[in-house]
N, C-alpha and C. Protein backbone atom coordinates (compact mmCIF):
# COMPACT_ATOMS: atom_id res chain seq x y z
N MET A 1 172.34 33.76 81.14
CA MET A 1 171.66 34.57 80.04
C MET A 1 169.98 35.90 80.48
N PHE A 2 169.46 35.31 81.32
CA PHE A 2 168.95 35.74 82.23
C PHE A 2 168.89 37.39 83.03
N ARG A 3 170.10 36.62 83.88
CA ARG A 3 171.15 37.84 84.52
C ARG A 3 171.56 38.69 83.73
N ARG A 4 171.51 38.33 82.82
CA ARG A 4 172.58 40.17 81.52
C ARG A 4 171.20 40.61 81.25
N ALA A 5 170.34 39.91 81.04
CA ALA A 5 169.46 41.16 80.23
C ALA A 5 168.78 41.66 81.51
N PHE A 6 168.54 41.37 82.47
CA PHE A 6 167.61 41.75 83.70
C PHE A 6 168.79 42.49 83.98
N TRP A 7 169.75 43.04 84.44
CA TRP A 7 170.78 44.19 84.74
C TRP A 7 170.95 44.81 83.29
N PHE A 8 171.19 44.11 82.06
CA PHE A 8 170.62 45.32 81.16
C PHE A 8 169.72 46.11 81.04
N THR A 9 168.08 45.95 81.46
CA THR A 9 167.30 46.84 81.50
C THR A 9 166.89 47.51 82.84
N THR A 10 167.49 47.13 83.91
CA THR A 10 167.56 47.95 85.19
C THR A 10 168.10 49.17 84.70
N GLY A 11 169.63 48.64 84.32
CA GLY A 11 170.30 50.13 83.74
C GLY A 11 169.58 50.64 82.57
N ALA A 12 169.27 50.12 81.78
CA ALA A 12 168.46 50.91 81.23
C ALA A 12 167.33 51.58 81.84
N ALA A 13 166.39 51.32 82.56
CA ALA A 13 165.75 51.97 83.15
C ALA A 13 165.77 53.45 84.05
N ALA A 14 167.15 52.69 84.91
CA ALA A 14 167.61 53.78 85.61
C ALA A 14 168.36 54.85 84.94
N GLY A 15 169.06 54.63 83.53
CA GLY A 15 169.21 55.60 82.63
C GLY A 15 167.94 56.74 82.38
N VAL A 16 166.70 55.83 82.13
CA VAL A 16 166.09 56.65 81.41
C VAL A 16 165.57 57.73 82.51
N TRP A 17 165.33 57.21 84.25
CA TRP A 17 165.01 57.34 85.25
C TRP A 17 165.66 58.76 85.86
N ALA A 18 166.96 58.74 85.91
CA ALA A 18 168.11 59.81 86.00
C ALA A 18 168.43 60.96 84.36
N THR A 19 168.11 60.75 82.84
CA THR A 19 167.47 61.83 82.77
C THR A 19 166.75 62.29 82.46
N THR A 20 165.44 61.74 83.29
CA THR A 20 164.46 62.44 82.94
C THR A 20 164.02 63.00 84.02
N LYS A 21 164.94 63.06 85.41
CA LYS A 21 164.27 63.19 86.57
C LYS A 21 165.99 65.22 86.22
N VAL A 22 166.72 64.71 85.44
CA VAL A 22 167.90 65.71 85.34
C VAL A 22 166.61 67.07 84.54
N GLN A 23 165.87 66.78 83.33
CA GLN A 23 166.15 67.92 82.26
C GLN A 23 164.49 68.41 82.86
N ARG A 24 163.55 67.24 83.37
CA ARG A 24 163.01 68.41 85.06
C ARG A 24 163.46 69.29 85.08
N LYS A 25 164.56 69.09 86.38
CA LYS A 25 165.15 69.41 87.03
C LYS A 25 165.88 71.49 85.81
N ILE A 26 166.77 70.66 85.17
CA ILE A 26 166.99 71.91 84.41
C ILE A 26 165.63 72.82 83.78
N ARG A 27 164.27 72.96 83.13
CA ARG A 27 163.48 73.06 82.03
C ARG A 27 163.29 73.60 84.17
N SER A 28 162.80 73.66 85.24
CA SER A 28 162.29 74.44 86.23
C SER A 28 163.69 75.40 86.70
N LEU A 29 164.88 75.62 86.73
CA LEU A 29 165.57 75.91 86.47
C LEU A 29 166.16 77.01 85.38
N ALA A 30 164.75 77.23 84.13
CA ALA A 30 165.04 78.20 83.56
C ALA A 30 164.87 79.50 83.80
N PRO A 31 165.34 80.62 82.79
CA PRO A 31 165.03 81.93 83.67
C PRO A 31 163.37 82.02 83.38
N ASP A 32 162.75 81.53 82.13
CA ASP A 32 161.24 81.57 81.97
C ASP A 32 160.16 80.74 83.34
N ALA A 33 161.33 79.36 83.61
CA ALA A 33 160.46 78.97 84.67
C ALA A 33 160.13 79.77 86.16
N LEU A 34 161.54 80.68 86.23
CA LEU A 34 161.57 80.80 87.28
C LEU A 34 161.03 82.15 87.55
N ALA A 35 160.58 83.02 86.15
CA ALA A 35 159.96 83.98 85.76
C ALA A 35 158.62 83.77 86.17
N VAL A 36 157.59 82.78 86.46
CA VAL A 36 156.76 82.26 86.41
C VAL A 36 156.42 82.11 87.85
N ARG A 37 157.59 81.42 88.45
CA ARG A 37 157.29 80.75 89.20
C ARG A 37 157.15 82.14 90.53
N ALA A 38 158.26 82.96 90.53
CA ALA A 38 157.93 84.03 91.02
C ALA A 38 156.55 84.92 91.00
N ALA A 39 156.30 84.81 90.12
CA ALA A 39 154.72 85.54 89.19
C ALA A 39 153.80 84.98 89.76
N ASP A 40 153.95 83.77 90.42
CA ASP A 40 152.95 83.01 90.83
C ASP A 40 152.75 83.45 92.52
N LYS A 41 154.07 83.57 92.84
CA LYS A 41 154.62 83.66 94.52
C LYS A 41 154.22 85.09 94.73
N ALA A 42 154.11 85.89 93.79
CA ALA A 42 153.38 87.08 93.88
C ALA A 42 152.30 87.60 94.28
N VAL A 43 151.45 86.40 93.03
CA VAL A 43 149.91 86.76 93.44
C VAL A 43 149.47 86.32 94.49
N GLU A 44 150.30 85.03 94.73
CA GLU A 44 149.55 84.60 96.34
C GLU A 44 149.81 85.08 97.39
N GLY A 45 151.10 85.82 97.53
CA GLY A 45 151.72 86.47 98.65
C GLY A 45 150.53 87.91 98.63
N GLY A 46 150.11 88.63 97.18
CA GLY A 46 148.61 89.70 96.56
C GLY A 46 147.44 89.35 97.88
N HIS A 47 146.99 87.88 97.57
CA HIS A 47 146.46 87.19 97.95
C HIS A 47 146.16 87.38 99.57
N ARG A 48 146.89 86.95 100.00
CA ARG A 48 147.33 86.50 101.67
C ARG A 48 146.78 88.23 101.90
N LEU A 49 147.98 88.38 101.96
CA LEU A 49 147.83 90.55 102.13
C LEU A 49 146.49 90.86 101.64
N LYS A 50 145.82 90.18 100.80
CA LYS A 50 144.21 91.02 100.63
C LYS A 50 143.53 90.22 101.91
N GLU A 51 143.49 88.95 102.26
CA GLU A 51 142.76 88.05 102.88
C GLU A 51 143.24 89.19 104.25
N PHE A 52 144.45 89.09 104.48
CA PHE A 52 144.81 89.68 105.91
C PHE A 52 144.28 90.78 106.31
N ALA A 53 144.12 92.19 105.60
CA ALA A 53 143.61 93.33 105.31
C ALA A 53 141.81 92.87 105.36
N LEU A 54 141.43 92.54 105.32
CA LEU A 54 139.99 91.77 105.03
C LEU A 54 139.38 91.40 106.24
N ASP A 55 140.83 90.61 107.03
CA ASP A 55 140.49 90.47 108.30
C ASP A 55 140.52 91.51 109.50
N VAL A 56 141.35 92.24 108.55
CA VAL A 56 141.93 93.40 109.64
C VAL A 56 140.32 94.24 110.16
N ARG A 57 140.16 94.98 108.76
CA ARG A 57 138.63 95.28 108.79
C ARG A 57 137.64 94.72 110.09
N ALA A 58 137.33 93.65 109.08
CA ALA A 58 136.07 93.22 110.24
C ALA A 58 136.58 93.07 111.17
N GLY A 59 137.46 92.85 112.16
CA GLY A 59 138.32 93.01 113.53
C GLY A 59 137.68 93.96 113.43
N MET A 60 138.17 94.97 113.13
CA MET A 60 138.05 96.20 113.51
C MET A 60 136.44 96.55 113.59
N SER A 61 135.86 96.25 112.55
CA SER A 61 134.41 96.97 112.93
C SER A 61 134.24 95.41 113.80
N GLN A 62 134.36 94.87 114.26
CA GLN A 62 133.51 94.33 115.43
C GLN A 62 134.33 95.07 116.68
N ARG A 63 135.52 95.51 116.93
CA ARG A 63 135.71 95.69 118.26
C ARG A 63 135.43 97.40 117.51
N GLU A 64 134.73 98.02 116.81
CA GLU A 64 134.12 99.35 117.60
C GLU A 64 132.72 99.48 118.12
N VAL A 65 131.98 98.26 116.80
CA VAL A 65 130.92 97.76 117.90
C VAL A 65 130.64 97.75 118.91
N GLU A 66 131.97 96.93 119.44
CA GLU A 66 131.71 96.87 121.35
C GLU A 66 131.66 97.79 122.10
N LEU A 67 132.82 98.78 121.62
CA LEU A 67 133.24 99.75 122.05
C LEU A 67 132.07 100.27 121.88
N LYS A 68 131.35 100.82 121.01
CA LYS A 68 129.95 101.89 121.22
C LYS A 68 129.27 101.39 121.86
N ASP A 69 128.51 100.12 121.80
CA ASP A 69 127.98 99.53 123.02
C ASP A 69 127.96 99.78 124.48
N ALA A 70 129.14 99.86 124.54
CA ALA A 70 130.28 99.61 126.05
C ALA A 70 129.92 101.11 126.14
N LEU A 71 130.11 101.84 125.21
CA LEU A 71 129.81 103.37 126.06
C LEU A 71 128.99 104.00 125.33
N GLY A 72 128.15 103.03 125.08
CA GLY A 72 126.45 103.69 125.27
C GLY A 72 126.03 104.71 123.66
N LEU A 73 127.11 104.17 122.95
CA LEU A 73 126.79 105.45 121.82
C LEU A 73 126.16 104.82 120.51
N SER A 74 125.62 103.42 121.38
CA SER A 74 125.07 103.05 119.55
C SER A 74 123.67 103.51 118.90
N ALA A 75 123.18 103.75 119.86
CA ALA A 75 121.57 104.26 119.32
C ALA A 75 121.74 105.20 118.25
N PRO A 76 120.63 106.20 118.08
CA PRO A 76 120.69 106.12 116.64
C PRO A 76 121.13 108.20 116.96
N VAL A 77 121.37 108.63 116.42
CA VAL A 77 121.70 110.36 116.99
C VAL A 77 120.37 110.81 115.68
N GLU A 78 119.98 111.52 117.00
CA GLU A 78 118.35 111.68 116.28
C GLU A 78 118.52 113.19 115.89
N GLY A 79 118.01 114.02 114.86
CA GLY A 79 118.66 115.67 114.45
C GLY A 79 118.18 115.35 113.10
N PRO A 80 118.80 116.46 112.30
CA PRO A 80 119.15 116.86 111.13
C PRO A 80 120.01 115.79 110.23
N SER A 81 119.93 115.14 108.68
CA SER A 81 120.80 114.51 108.33
C SER A 81 121.44 115.72 107.31
N HIS A 82 122.74 115.72 107.41
CA HIS A 82 123.96 116.42 106.11
C HIS A 82 123.01 117.08 105.24
N ARG A 83 121.93 116.52 104.59
CA ARG A 83 121.23 116.36 103.35
C ARG A 83 119.96 116.96 103.53
N GLU A 84 119.56 117.33 105.23
CA GLU A 84 118.41 118.12 105.74
C GLU A 84 118.41 119.23 106.13
N LEU A 85 119.94 119.47 106.35
CA LEU A 85 120.44 120.99 107.19
C LEU A 85 118.88 122.01 105.45
N PRO A 86 118.75 123.24 107.32
CA PRO A 86 118.84 124.20 106.16
C PRO A 86 119.86 125.23 105.17
N ALA A 87 119.32 126.29 105.08
CA ALA A 87 120.11 127.04 104.19
C ALA A 87 120.80 127.53 105.02
N GLN A 88 122.37 127.74 105.56
CA GLN A 88 122.99 129.48 105.96
C GLN A 88 123.00 130.70 105.16
N PRO A 89 122.78 131.65 105.92
CA PRO A 89 122.45 133.08 104.82
C PRO A 89 123.77 133.75 104.78
N GLY A 90 124.44 133.85 103.61
CA GLY A 90 125.46 134.37 103.46
C GLY A 90 126.68 132.54 102.48
N ARG A 91 125.73 131.51 102.32
CA ARG A 91 126.29 130.79 101.81
C ARG A 91 125.34 130.43 100.09
N GLN A 92 125.56 129.55 99.58
CA GLN A 92 125.06 129.50 97.99
C GLN A 92 124.46 127.82 98.64
N GLN A 93 122.98 127.85 97.26
CA GLN A 93 123.24 126.47 97.89
C GLN A 93 123.67 126.14 96.40
N LEU A 94 123.91 124.51 96.12
CA LEU A 94 124.05 123.91 95.50
C LEU A 94 123.43 124.11 94.00
N GLY A 95 124.30 124.18 93.35
CA GLY A 95 123.13 124.32 91.93
C GLY A 95 122.96 125.91 91.23
N ALA A 96 122.71 126.42 92.19
CA ALA A 96 122.55 127.68 91.80
C ALA A 96 123.73 128.77 91.64
N ARG A 97 123.20 128.96 90.64
CA ARG A 97 123.94 130.18 89.63
C ARG A 97 124.32 132.05 90.54
N SER A 98 125.26 132.25 90.16
CA SER A 98 125.60 134.03 90.81
C SER A 98 126.36 134.11 89.85
N ALA A 99 126.45 135.03 89.93
CA ALA A 99 127.05 136.27 89.25
C ALA A 99 128.84 135.97 89.34
N PRO A 100 129.66 136.31 88.80
CA PRO A 100 130.65 135.59 88.70
C PRO A 100 131.65 136.89 89.90
N ARG A 101 132.70 136.39 90.61
CA ARG A 101 133.21 136.98 91.59
C ARG A 101 134.35 138.47 91.10
N THR A 102 133.53 139.22 91.91
CA THR A 102 134.20 140.60 91.19
C THR A 102 135.35 141.16 92.15
N ASN A 103 135.55 140.97 94.06
CA ASN A 103 136.19 141.57 94.49
C ASN A 103 137.65 141.02 94.84
N TYR A 104 138.19 141.00 93.49
CA TYR A 104 139.63 140.35 93.97
C TYR A 104 140.60 141.20 94.48
N PRO A 105 141.87 140.88 94.95
CA PRO A 105 142.20 142.08 96.09
C PRO A 105 142.72 143.13 95.12
N THR A 106 143.11 144.12 94.99
CA THR A 106 144.26 145.36 94.66
C THR A 106 145.40 144.70 94.34
N HIS A 107 146.47 144.27 95.47
CA HIS A 107 147.87 144.19 95.49
C HIS A 107 148.23 143.58 94.73
N PRO A 108 149.09 142.84 94.08
CA PRO A 108 149.49 141.19 93.28
C PRO A 108 150.42 141.16 94.36
N TYR A 109 149.93 139.97 93.99
CA TYR A 109 151.46 138.51 94.81
C TYR A 109 152.26 138.25 94.71
N ASP A 110 153.39 138.76 95.54
CA ASP A 110 154.66 138.60 96.34
C ASP A 110 155.06 137.75 96.76
N ARG A 111 156.15 136.77 96.26
CA ARG A 111 156.29 135.63 97.26
C ARG A 111 157.58 136.80 98.37
N ASN A 112 158.30 137.45 97.80
CA ASN A 112 159.68 138.00 98.70
C ASN A 112 159.07 139.15 99.41
N GLU A 113 157.46 139.43 99.05
CA GLU A 113 157.31 140.72 100.26
C GLU A 113 157.47 140.60 101.64
N ASP A 114 157.54 139.59 102.46
CA ASP A 114 157.20 139.09 103.47
C ASP A 114 158.76 139.12 103.79
N HIS A 115 159.59 139.24 102.66
CA HIS A 115 161.01 138.89 103.87
C HIS A 115 161.87 140.06 103.43
């Protein structure tokens, strides 16, 4: 009698385990679960790509510094910066207003004119 009870309990436990395992697999293969898994993989791939790009940029800047040191270009350039440049004659200062442009061409633009 104990032998029958043992095998009955073992069979029932194996059935419950197998049913649970099959149900989990079915749920993992459902379209919603597949979509979530694909989205997670895409996000993970994006993070990896971003990390790769950051590593490449860091390597590029490090190599640029090494090349500038090797070529002797790492010394600061002396001279006025782009903000300190004097005004050039014939050029308008930023922020200054001028009269509207009136010297328009007298001929009309025609694309077929050259052909």
